[in-house]
């Protein structure tokens, strides 16, 4: 019987900049990625905003953070703060 690789426990991670920290225990992280247009080939910057859970309210506006996929905390929060990679100057 062939071995089956277990994908449970492997969670997605994203890195981005905190664009809002106004809510209690919640931050909004803007994650940018580059995507090539399928027809014209131009490289475009695509941005997406994720609501993430920040238990200690430690991330501040402008910080570069890493977030991890997790169970739903609320209607929009499906990510949690893993670490602050770089603080804002």
Protein backbone atom coordinates (compact mmCIF):
# COMPACT_ATOMS: atom_id res chain seq x y z
CA UNK A 1 0.00 0.00 0.00
CA UNK A 2 1.38 3.44 -0.97
CA UNK A 3 2.03 5.97 1.74
CA UNK A 4 -0.34 8.92 1.81
CA UNK A 5 1.11 12.26 2.82
CA UNK A 6 -0.94 13.84 5.58
CA UNK A 7 -1.68 17.50 4.74
CA UNK A 8 -3.47 18.18 7.99
CA UNK A 9 -1.47 20.55 10.12
CA UNK A 10 0.09 22.41 7.20
CA UNK A 11 -1.35 25.91 7.38
CA UNK A 12 -1.04 28.77 4.94
CA UNK A 13 1.09 31.74 5.96
CA UNK A 14 1.16 35.24 4.54
CA UNK A 15 3.31 38.31 5.19
CA UNK A 16 2.11 41.87 4.86
CA UNK A 17 1.74 45.34 6.32
CA UNK A 18 -0.76 46.27 9.05
CA UNK A 19 -3.11 48.89 7.57
CA UNK A 20 -5.52 49.08 10.52
CA UNK A 21 -5.33 48.33 14.23
CA UNK A 22 -8.41 50.27 15.37
CA UNK A 23 -10.48 47.26 16.46
CA UNK A 24 -9.84 45.43 19.72
CA UNK A 25 -7.77 42.22 19.21
CA UNK A 26 -8.04 42.58 15.43
CA UNK A 27 -5.65 43.84 12.79
CA UNK A 28 -6.11 44.26 9.05
CA UNK A 29 -3.11 43.08 7.03
CA UNK A 30 -2.54 44.06 3.39
CA UNK A 31 -0.73 41.32 1.47
CA UNK A 32 0.68 42.11 -1.96
CA UNK A 33 1.68 39.60 -4.60
CA UNK A 34 2.74 39.79 -8.23
CA UNK A 35 0.75 38.10 -10.97
CA UNK A 36 1.38 37.98 -14.69
CA UNK A 37 -1.57 38.86 -16.92
CA UNK A 38 -2.61 35.77 -18.86
CA UNK A 39 -2.99 37.49 -22.26
CA UNK A 40 -0.70 40.51 -22.22
CA UNK A 41 2.05 39.22 -19.96
CA UNK A 42 2.28 42.41 -17.90
CA UNK A 43 3.25 41.87 -14.26
CA UNK A 44 0.54 43.28 -12.00
CA UNK A 45 0.57 43.88 -8.27
CA UNK A 46 -2.46 42.32 -6.60
CA UNK A 47 -3.33 43.35 -3.03
CA UNK A 48 -5.68 41.58 -0.63
CA UNK A 49 -6.67 42.51 2.92
CA UNK A 50 -6.96 39.90 5.68
CA UNK A 51 -8.53 40.37 9.11
CA UNK A 52 -6.31 38.67 11.69
CA UNK A 53 -6.64 37.95 15.41
CA UNK A 54 -4.11 39.78 17.62
CA UNK A 55 -4.65 38.58 21.20
CA UNK A 56 -2.32 41.05 22.98
CA UNK A 57 -2.92 44.02 20.64
CA UNK A 58 0.84 44.09 19.99
CA UNK A 59 0.91 44.90 16.24
CA UNK A 60 0.77 48.57 15.33
CA UNK A 61 -0.01 50.46 12.16
CA UNK A 62 2.76 50.03 9.56
CA UNK A 63 4.32 46.89 11.09
CA UNK A 64 5.39 44.07 8.75
CA UNK A 65 3.82 40.90 10.17
CA UNK A 66 3.34 37.19 9.46
CA UNK A 67 -0.16 35.69 9.78
CA UNK A 68 -1.27 32.05 9.81
CA UNK A 69 -4.51 30.43 8.73
CA UNK A 70 -6.62 29.20 11.65
CA UNK A 71 -10.13 28.33 12.77
CA UNK A 72 -12.77 31.06 12.36
CA UNK A 73 -12.76 33.61 15.18
CA UNK A 74 -15.65 35.64 13.75
CA UNK A 75 -17.43 36.36 10.48
CA UNK A 76 -14.31 37.72 8.76
CA UNK A 77 -11.40 36.60 10.96
CA UNK A 78 -9.83 33.34 9.77
CA UNK A 79 -6.18 34.31 10.39
CA UNK A 80 -4.08 34.95 13.50
CA UNK A 81 -0.93 36.92 14.12
CA UNK A 82 2.13 34.66 14.25
CA UNK A 83 4.94 37.17 14.61
CA UNK A 84 5.96 40.75 14.00
CA UNK A 85 8.75 40.54 11.43
CA UNK A 86 9.62 44.26 11.39
CA UNK A 87 8.23 47.19 13.38
CA UNK A 88 7.38 50.48 11.73
CA UNK A 89 9.92 53.28 12.13
